[in-house]
Amino acid sequence: TYMVRHSALGEFALFLVPIARDATGFIYQAVF
């Protein structure tokens, strides 16, 4: 769980899971 901030949504906790890697980095998923 990371504390995440977005300019329009504010700050909230988000559980992120790394699910894939490609040439430009990693993909993370959050499920609600």
ModelCIF file with pLDDT and N, C-alpha, C, O atoms, coordinates in Angstrom:
data_MODEL
#
_entry.id   MODEL 
#
_entity.id                         1 
_entity.type                       polymer 
_entity.pdbx_number_of_molecules   1 
#
_entity_poly.entity_id                      1 
_entity_poly.type                           'polypeptide(L)' 
_entity_poly.nstd_linkage                   no 
_entity_poly.nstd_monomer                   no 
_entity_poly.pdbx_seq_one_letter_code       TYMVRHSALGEFALFLVPIARDATGFIYQAVF 
_entity_poly.pdbx_seq_one_letter_code_can   TYMVRHSALGEFALFLVPIARDATGFIYQAVF 
_entity_poly.pdbx_strand_id                 A 
#
loop_
_entity_poly_seq.entity_id 
_entity_poly_seq.num 
_entity_poly_seq.mon_id 
_entity_poly_seq.hetero 
1 1  THR n 
1 2  TYR n 
1 3  MET n 
1 4  VAL n 
1 5  ARG n 
1 6  HIS n 
1 7  SER n 
1 8  ALA n 
1 9  LEU n 
1 10 GLY n 
1 11 GLU n 
1 12 PHE n 
1 13 ALA n 
1 14 LEU n 
1 15 PHE n 
1 16 LEU n 
1 17 VAL n 
1 18 PRO n 
1 19 ILE n 
1 20 ALA n 
1 21 ARG n 
1 22 ASP n 
1 23 ALA n 
1 24 THR n 
1 25 GLY n 
1 26 PHE n 
1 27 ILE n 
1 28 TYR n 
1 29 GLN n 
1 30 ALA n 
1 31 VAL n 
1 32 PHE n 
#
_struct_asym.id          A 
_struct_asym.entity_id   1 
#
loop_
_ma_qa_metric.id 
_ma_qa_metric.mode 
_ma_qa_metric.name 
_ma_qa_metric.software_group_id 
_ma_qa_metric.type 
1 global pLDDT . pLDDT 
2 local  pLDDT . pLDDT 
#
_ma_qa_metric_global.metric_id      1 
_ma_qa_metric_global.metric_value   95.59 
_ma_qa_metric_global.model_id       1 
_ma_qa_metric_global.ordinal_id     1 
#
loop_
_ma_qa_metric_local.label_asym_id 
_ma_qa_metric_local.label_comp_id 
_ma_qa_metric_local.label_seq_id 
_ma_qa_metric_local.metric_id 
_ma_qa_metric_local.metric_value 
_ma_qa_metric_local.model_id 
_ma_qa_metric_local.ordinal_id 
A THR 1  2 97.00 1 1  
A TYR 2  2 97.00 1 2  
A MET 3  2 96.00 1 3  
A VAL 4  2 97.00 1 4  
A ARG 5  2 97.00 1 5  
A HIS 6  2 97.00 1 6  
A SER 7  2 96.00 1 7  
A ALA 8  2 95.00 1 8  
A LEU 9  2 95.00 1 9  
A GLY 10 2 95.00 1 10 
A GLU 11 2 95.00 1 11 
A PHE 12 2 95.00 1 12 
A ALA 13 2 95.00 1 13 
A LEU 14 2 96.00 1 14 
A PHE 15 2 97.00 1 15 
A LEU 16 2 98.00 1 16 
A VAL 17 2 98.00 1 17 
A PRO 18 2 98.00 1 18 
A ILE 19 2 97.00 1 19 
A ALA 20 2 97.00 1 20 
A ARG 21 2 95.00 1 21 
A ASP 22 2 89.00 1 22 
A ALA 23 2 88.00 1 23 
A THR 24 2 90.00 1 24 
A GLY 25 2 93.00 1 25 
A PHE 26 2 97.00 1 26 
A ILE 27 2 97.00 1 27 
A TYR 28 2 98.00 1 28 
A GLN 29 2 98.00 1 29 
A ALA 30 2 98.00 1 30 
A VAL 31 2 96.00 1 31 
A PHE 32 2 92.00 1 32 
#
loop_
_atom_site.group_PDB 
_atom_site.id 
_atom_site.type_symbol 
_atom_site.label_atom_id 
_atom_site.label_alt_id 
_atom_site.label_comp_id 
_atom_site.label_asym_id 
_atom_site.label_entity_id 
_atom_site.label_seq_id 
_atom_site.pdbx_PDB_ins_code 
_atom_site.Cartn_x 
_atom_site.Cartn_y 
_atom_site.Cartn_z 
_atom_site.occupancy 
_atom_site.B_iso_or_equiv 
_atom_site.pdbx_formal_charge 
_atom_site.auth_seq_id 
_atom_site.auth_comp_id 
_atom_site.auth_asym_id 
_atom_site.auth_atom_id 
_atom_site.pdbx_PDB_model_num 
ATOM 1   N N  . THR A 1 1  ? 0.847   -1.180 0.000   1.00 97.00 ? 1  THR A N  1 
ATOM 2   C CA . THR A 1 1  ? 0.000   0.000  0.000   1.00 97.00 ? 1  THR A CA 1 
ATOM 3   C C  . THR A 1 1  ? 0.886   1.235  0.000   1.00 97.00 ? 1  THR A C  1 
ATOM 4   O O  . THR A 1 1  ? 1.771   1.386  0.842   1.00 97.00 ? 1  THR A O  1 
ATOM 5   N N  . TYR A 1 2  ? 0.630   2.114  -0.962  1.00 97.00 ? 2  TYR A N  1 
ATOM 6   C CA . TYR A 1 2  ? 1.368   3.373  -1.089  1.00 97.00 ? 2  TYR A CA 1 
ATOM 7   C C  . TYR A 1 2  ? 0.411   4.531  -0.848  1.00 97.00 ? 2  TYR A C  1 
ATOM 8   O O  . TYR A 1 2  ? -0.767  4.450  -1.196  1.00 97.00 ? 2  TYR A O  1 
ATOM 9   N N  . MET A 1 3  ? 0.911   5.599  -0.259  1.00 96.00 ? 3  MET A N  1 
ATOM 10  C CA . MET A 1 3  ? 0.148   6.845  -0.205  1.00 96.00 ? 3  MET A CA 1 
ATOM 11  C C  . MET A 1 3  ? 0.381   7.527  -1.547  1.00 96.00 ? 3  MET A C  1 
ATOM 12  O O  . MET A 1 3  ? 1.511   7.855  -1.909  1.00 96.00 ? 3  MET A O  1 
ATOM 13  N N  . VAL A 1 4  ? -0.709  7.734  -2.273  1.00 97.00 ? 4  VAL A N  1 
ATOM 14  C CA . VAL A 1 4  ? -0.649  8.253  -3.628  1.00 97.00 ? 4  VAL A CA 1 
ATOM 15  C C  . VAL A 1 4  ? -1.313  9.627  -3.657  1.00 97.00 ? 4  VAL A C  1 
ATOM 16  O O  . VAL A 1 4  ? -2.293  9.886  -2.958  1.00 97.00 ? 4  VAL A O  1 
ATOM 17  N N  . ARG A 1 5  ? -0.741  10.501 -4.493  1.00 97.00 ? 5  ARG A N  1 
ATOM 18  C CA . ARG A 1 5  ? -1.292  11.852 -4.628  1.00 97.00 ? 5  ARG A CA 1 
ATOM 19  C C  . ARG A 1 5  ? -1.531  12.138 -6.106  1.00 97.00 ? 5  ARG A C  1 
ATOM 20  O O  . ARG A 1 5  ? -0.727  11.785 -6.969  1.00 97.00 ? 5  ARG A O  1 
ATOM 21  N N  . HIS A 1 6  ? -2.665  12.791 -6.368  1.00 97.00 ? 6  HIS A N  1 
ATOM 22  C CA . HIS A 1 6  ? -2.994  13.237 -7.720  1.00 97.00 ? 6  HIS A CA 1 
ATOM 23  C C  . HIS A 1 6  ? -3.538  14.661 -7.616  1.00 97.00 ? 6  HIS A C  1 
ATOM 24  O O  . HIS A 1 6  ? -4.230  14.996 -6.654  1.00 97.00 ? 6  HIS A O  1 
ATOM 25  N N  . SER A 1 7  ? -3.227  15.489 -8.596  1.00 96.00 ? 7  SER A N  1 
ATOM 26  C CA . SER A 1 7  ? -3.603  16.904 -8.519  1.00 96.00 ? 7  SER A CA 1 
ATOM 27  C C  . SER A 1 7  ? -5.116  17.112 -8.417  1.00 96.00 ? 7  SER A C  1 
ATOM 28  O O  . SER A 1 7  ? -5.553  18.052 -7.755  1.00 96.00 ? 7  SER A O  1 
ATOM 29  N N  . ALA A 1 8  ? -5.920  16.267 -9.050  1.00 95.00 ? 8  ALA A N  1 
ATOM 30  C CA . ALA A 1 8  ? -7.379  16.437 -8.998  1.00 95.00 ? 8  ALA A CA 1 
ATOM 31  C C  . ALA A 1 8  ? -8.053  15.564 -7.946  1.00 95.00 ? 8  ALA A C  1 
ATOM 32  O O  . ALA A 1 8  ? -9.092  15.947 -7.406  1.00 95.00 ? 8  ALA A O  1 
ATOM 33  N N  . LEU A 1 9  ? -7.481  14.394 -7.643  1.00 95.00 ? 9  LEU A N  1 
ATOM 34  C CA . LEU A 1 9  ? -8.123  13.444 -6.731  1.00 95.00 ? 9  LEU A CA 1 
ATOM 35  C C  . LEU A 1 9  ? -7.642  13.569 -5.287  1.00 95.00 ? 9  LEU A C  1 
ATOM 36  O O  . LEU A 1 9  ? -8.274  13.032 -4.378  1.00 95.00 ? 9  LEU A O  1 
ATOM 37  N N  . GLY A 1 10 ? -6.545  14.261 -5.071  1.00 95.00 ? 10 GLY A N  1 
ATOM 38  C CA . GLY A 1 10 ? -6.016  14.402 -3.722  1.00 95.00 ? 10 GLY A CA 1 
ATOM 39  C C  . GLY A 1 10 ? -5.130  13.229 -3.330  1.00 95.00 ? 10 GLY A C  1 
ATOM 40  O O  . GLY A 1 10 ? -4.519  12.586 -4.183  1.00 95.00 ? 10 GLY A O  1 
ATOM 41  N N  . GLU A 1 11 ? -5.066  12.955 -2.020  1.00 95.00 ? 11 GLU A N  1 
ATOM 42  C CA . GLU A 1 11 ? -4.193  11.907 -1.493  1.00 95.00 ? 11 GLU A CA 1 
ATOM 43  C C  . GLU A 1 11 ? -5.030  10.758 -0.937  1.00 95.00 ? 11 GLU A C  1 
ATOM 44  O O  . GLU A 1 11 ? -6.044  10.976 -0.273  1.00 95.00 ? 11 GLU A O  1 
ATOM 45  N N  . PHE A 1 12 ? -4.584  9.524  -1.221  1.00 95.00 ? 12 PHE A N  1 
ATOM 46  C CA . PHE A 1 12 ? -5.300  8.343  -0.755  1.00 95.00 ? 12 PHE A CA 1 
ATOM 47  C C  . PHE A 1 12 ? -4.352  7.155  -0.778  1.00 95.00 ? 12 PHE A C  1 
ATOM 48  O O  . PHE A 1 12 ? -3.322  7.185  -1.451  1.00 95.00 ? 12 PHE A O  1 
ATOM 49  N N  . ALA A 1 13 ? -4.707  6.102  -0.035  1.00 95.00 ? 13 ALA A N  1 
ATOM 50  C CA . ALA A 1 13 ? -3.913  4.878  -0.002  1.00 95.00 ? 13 ALA A CA 1 
ATOM 51  C C  . ALA A 1 13 ? -4.319  3.992  -1.179  1.00 95.00 ? 13 ALA A C  1 
ATOM 52  O O  . ALA A 1 13 ? -5.500  3.876  -1.509  1.00 95.00 ? 13 ALA A O  1 
ATOM 53  N N  . LEU A 1 14 ? -3.313  3.365  -1.808  1.00 96.00 ? 14 LEU A N  1 
ATOM 54  C CA . LEU A 1 14 ? -3.561  2.521  -2.968  1.00 96.00 ? 14 LEU A CA 1 
ATOM 55  C C  . LEU A 1 14 ? -2.647  1.306  -2.902  1.00 96.00 ? 14 LEU A C  1 
ATOM 56  O O  . LEU A 1 14 ? -1.427  1.443  -2.802  1.00 96.00 ? 14 LEU A O  1 
ATOM 57  N N  . PHE A 1 15 ? -3.243  0.109  -2.958  1.00 97.00 ? 15 PHE A N  1 
ATOM 58  C CA . PHE A 1 15 ? -2.472  -1.129 -2.950  1.00 97.00 ? 15 PHE A CA 1 
ATOM 59  C C  . PHE A 1 15 ? -2.084  -1.452 -4.390  1.00 97.00 ? 15 PHE A C  1 
ATOM 60  O O  . PHE A 1 15 ? -2.945  -1.767 -5.213  1.00 97.00 ? 15 PHE A O  1 
ATOM 61  N N  . LEU A 1 16 ? -0.789  -1.375 -4.694  1.00 98.00 ? 16 LEU A N  1 
ATOM 62  C CA . LEU A 1 16 ? -0.275  -1.611 -6.037  1.00 98.00 ? 16 LEU A CA 1 
ATOM 63  C C  . LEU A 1 16 ? 0.489   -2.924 -6.092  1.00 98.00 ? 16 LEU A C  1 
ATOM 64  O O  . LEU A 1 16 ? 1.256   -3.254 -5.187  1.00 98.00 ? 16 LEU A O  1 
ATOM 65  N N  . VAL A 1 17 ? 0.264   -3.673 -7.178  1.00 98.00 ? 17 VAL A N  1 
ATOM 66  C CA . VAL A 1 17 ? 0.913   -4.960 -7.399  1.00 98.00 ? 17 VAL A CA 1 
ATOM 67  C C  . VAL A 1 17 ? 1.617   -4.918 -8.754  1.00 98.00 ? 17 VAL A C  1 
ATOM 68  O O  . VAL A 1 17 ? 0.978   -4.628 -9.765  1.00 98.00 ? 17 VAL A O  1 
ATOM 69  N N  . PRO A 1 18 ? 2.924   -5.201 -8.794  1.00 98.00 ? 18 PRO A N  1 
ATOM 70  C CA . PRO A 1 18 ? 3.587   -5.268 -10.104 1.00 98.00 ? 18 PRO A CA 1 
ATOM 71  C C  . PRO A 1 18 ? 3.101   -6.507 -10.849 1.00 98.00 ? 18 PRO A C  1 
ATOM 72  O O  . PRO A 1 18 ? 3.108   -7.609 -10.301 1.00 98.00 ? 18 PRO A O  1 
ATOM 73  N N  . ILE A 1 19 ? 2.674   -6.324 -12.112 1.00 97.00 ? 19 ILE A N  1 
ATOM 74  C CA . ILE A 1 19 ? 2.113   -7.463 -12.853 1.00 97.00 ? 19 ILE A CA 1 
ATOM 75  C C  . ILE A 1 19 ? 2.828   -7.737 -14.172 1.00 97.00 ? 19 ILE A C  1 
ATOM 76  O O  . ILE A 1 19 ? 2.662   -8.816 -14.741 1.00 97.00 ? 19 ILE A O  1 
ATOM 77  N N  . ALA A 1 20 ? 3.620   -6.788 -14.673 1.00 97.00 ? 20 ALA A N  1 
ATOM 78  C CA . ALA A 1 20 ? 4.275   -7.001 -15.965 1.00 97.00 ? 20 ALA A CA 1 
ATOM 79  C C  . ALA A 1 20 ? 5.462   -6.055 -16.100 1.00 97.00 ? 20 ALA A C  1 
ATOM 80  O O  . ALA A 1 20 ? 5.569   -5.043 -15.409 1.00 97.00 ? 20 ALA A O  1 
ATOM 81  N N  . ARG A 1 21 ? 6.352   -6.428 -17.022 1.00 95.00 ? 21 ARG A N  1 
ATOM 82  C CA . ARG A 1 21 ? 7.502   -5.587 -17.351 1.00 95.00 ? 21 ARG A CA 1 
ATOM 83  C C  . ARG A 1 21 ? 7.611   -5.527 -18.864 1.00 95.00 ? 21 ARG A C  1 
ATOM 84  O O  . ARG A 1 21 ? 7.385   -6.522 -19.554 1.00 95.00 ? 21 ARG A O  1 
ATOM 85  N N  . ASP A 1 22 ? 7.955   -4.366 -19.370 1.00 89.00 ? 22 ASP A N  1 
ATOM 86  C CA . ASP A 1 22 ? 8.223   -4.238 -20.793 1.00 89.00 ? 22 ASP A CA 1 
ATOM 87  C C  . ASP A 1 22 ? 9.471   -3.385 -20.986 1.00 89.00 ? 22 ASP A C  1 
ATOM 88  O O  . ASP A 1 22 ? 10.182  -3.110 -20.019 1.00 89.00 ? 22 ASP A O  1 
ATOM 89  N N  . ALA A 1 23 ? 9.744   -2.971 -22.193 1.00 88.00 ? 23 ALA A N  1 
ATOM 90  C CA . ALA A 1 23 ? 10.976  -2.245 -22.499 1.00 88.00 ? 23 ALA A CA 1 
ATOM 91  C C  . ALA A 1 23 ? 11.057  -0.892 -21.809 1.00 88.00 ? 23 ALA A C  1 
ATOM 92  O O  . ALA A 1 23 ? 12.150  -0.349 -21.650 1.00 88.00 ? 23 ALA A O  1 
ATOM 93  N N  . THR A 1 24 ? 9.923   -0.335 -21.396 1.00 90.00 ? 24 THR A N  1 
ATOM 94  C CA . THR A 1 24 ? 9.941   0.999  -20.795 1.00 90.00 ? 24 THR A CA 1 
ATOM 95  C C  . THR A 1 24 ? 9.747   1.008  -19.288 1.00 90.00 ? 24 THR A C  1 
ATOM 96  O O  . THR A 1 24 ? 9.732   2.084  -18.689 1.00 90.00 ? 24 THR A O  1 
ATOM 97  N N  . GLY A 1 25 ? 9.600   -0.139 -18.659 1.00 93.00 ? 25 GLY A N  1 
ATOM 98  C CA . GLY A 1 25 ? 9.438   -0.178 -17.208 1.00 93.00 ? 25 GLY A CA 1 
ATOM 99  C C  . GLY A 1 25 ? 8.477   -1.251 -16.761 1.00 93.00 ? 25 GLY A C  1 
ATOM 100 O O  . GLY A 1 25 ? 8.372   -2.311 -17.378 1.00 93.00 ? 25 GLY A O  1 
ATOM 101 N N  . PHE A 1 26 ? 7.772   -0.962 -15.674 1.00 97.00 ? 26 PHE A N  1 
ATOM 102 C CA . PHE A 1 26 ? 6.872   -1.934 -15.054 1.00 97.00 ? 26 PHE A CA 1 
ATOM 103 C C  . PHE A 1 26 ? 5.433   -1.438 -15.079 1.00 97.00 ? 26 PHE A C  1 
ATOM 104 O O  . PHE A 1 26 ? 5.168   -0.236 -15.068 1.00 97.00 ? 26 PHE A O  1 
ATOM 105 N N  . ILE A 1 27 ? 4.504   -2.403 -15.111 1.00 97.00 ? 27 ILE A N  1 
ATOM 106 C CA . ILE A 1 27 ? 3.074   -2.130 -15.025 1.00 97.00 ? 27 ILE A CA 1 
ATOM 107 C C  . ILE A 1 27 ? 2.607   -2.604 -13.639 1.00 97.00 ? 27 ILE A C  1 
ATOM 108 O O  . ILE A 1 27 ? 2.959   -3.697 -13.194 1.00 97.00 ? 27 ILE A O  1 
ATOM 109 N N  . TYR A 1 28 ? 1.815   -1.766 -12.973 1.00 98.00 ? 28 TYR A N  1 
ATOM 110 C CA . TYR A 1 28 ? 1.286   -2.067 -11.650 1.00 98.00 ? 28 TYR A CA 1 
ATOM 111 C C  . TYR A 1 28 ? -0.227  -2.027 -11.722 1.00 98.00 ? 28 TYR A C  1 
ATOM 112 O O  . TYR A 1 28 ? -0.798  -1.228 -12.465 1.00 98.00 ? 28 TYR A O  1 
ATOM 113 N N  . GLN A 1 29 ? -0.885  -2.892 -10.945 1.00 98.00 ? 29 GLN A N  1 
ATOM 114 C CA . GLN A 1 29 ? -2.340  -2.960 -10.941 1.00 98.00 ? 29 GLN A CA 1 
ATOM 115 C C  . GLN A 1 29 ? -2.890  -2.655 -9.556  1.00 98.00 ? 29 GLN A C  1 
ATOM 116 O O  . GLN A 1 29 ? -2.312  -3.036 -8.537  1.00 98.00 ? 29 GLN A O  1 
ATOM 117 N N  . ALA A 1 30 ? -4.012  -1.965 -9.546  1.00 98.00 ? 30 ALA A N  1 
ATOM 118 C CA . ALA A 1 30 ? -4.811  -1.748 -8.336  1.00 98.00 ? 30 ALA A CA 1 
ATOM 119 C C  . ALA A 1 30 ? -6.212  -2.243 -8.649  1.00 98.00 ? 30 ALA A C  1 
ATOM 120 O O  . ALA A 1 30 ? -6.785  -1.877 -9.674  1.00 98.00 ? 30 ALA A O  1 
ATOM 121 N N  . VAL A 1 31 ? -6.773  -3.080 -7.766  1.00 96.00 ? 31 VAL A N  1 
ATOM 122 C CA . VAL A 1 31 ? -8.118  -3.627 -7.964  1.00 96.00 ? 31 VAL A CA 1 
ATOM 123 C C  . VAL A 1 31 ? -9.017  -3.107 -6.867  1.00 96.00 ? 31 VAL A C  1 
ATOM 124 O O  . VAL A 1 31 ? -8.670  -3.145 -5.687  1.00 96.00 ? 31 VAL A O  1 
ATOM 125 N N  . PHE A 1 32 ? -10.176 -2.621 -7.269  1.00 92.00 ? 32 PHE A N  1 
ATOM 126 C CA . PHE A 1 32 ? -11.195 -2.129 -6.335  1.00 92.00 ? 32 PHE A CA 1 
ATOM 127 C C  . PHE A 1 32 ? -12.407 -3.043 -6.459  1.00 92.00 ? 32 PHE A C  1 
ATOM 128 O O  . PHE A 1 32 ? -13.408 -2.838 -5.772  1.00 92.00 ? 32 PHE A O  1 
#
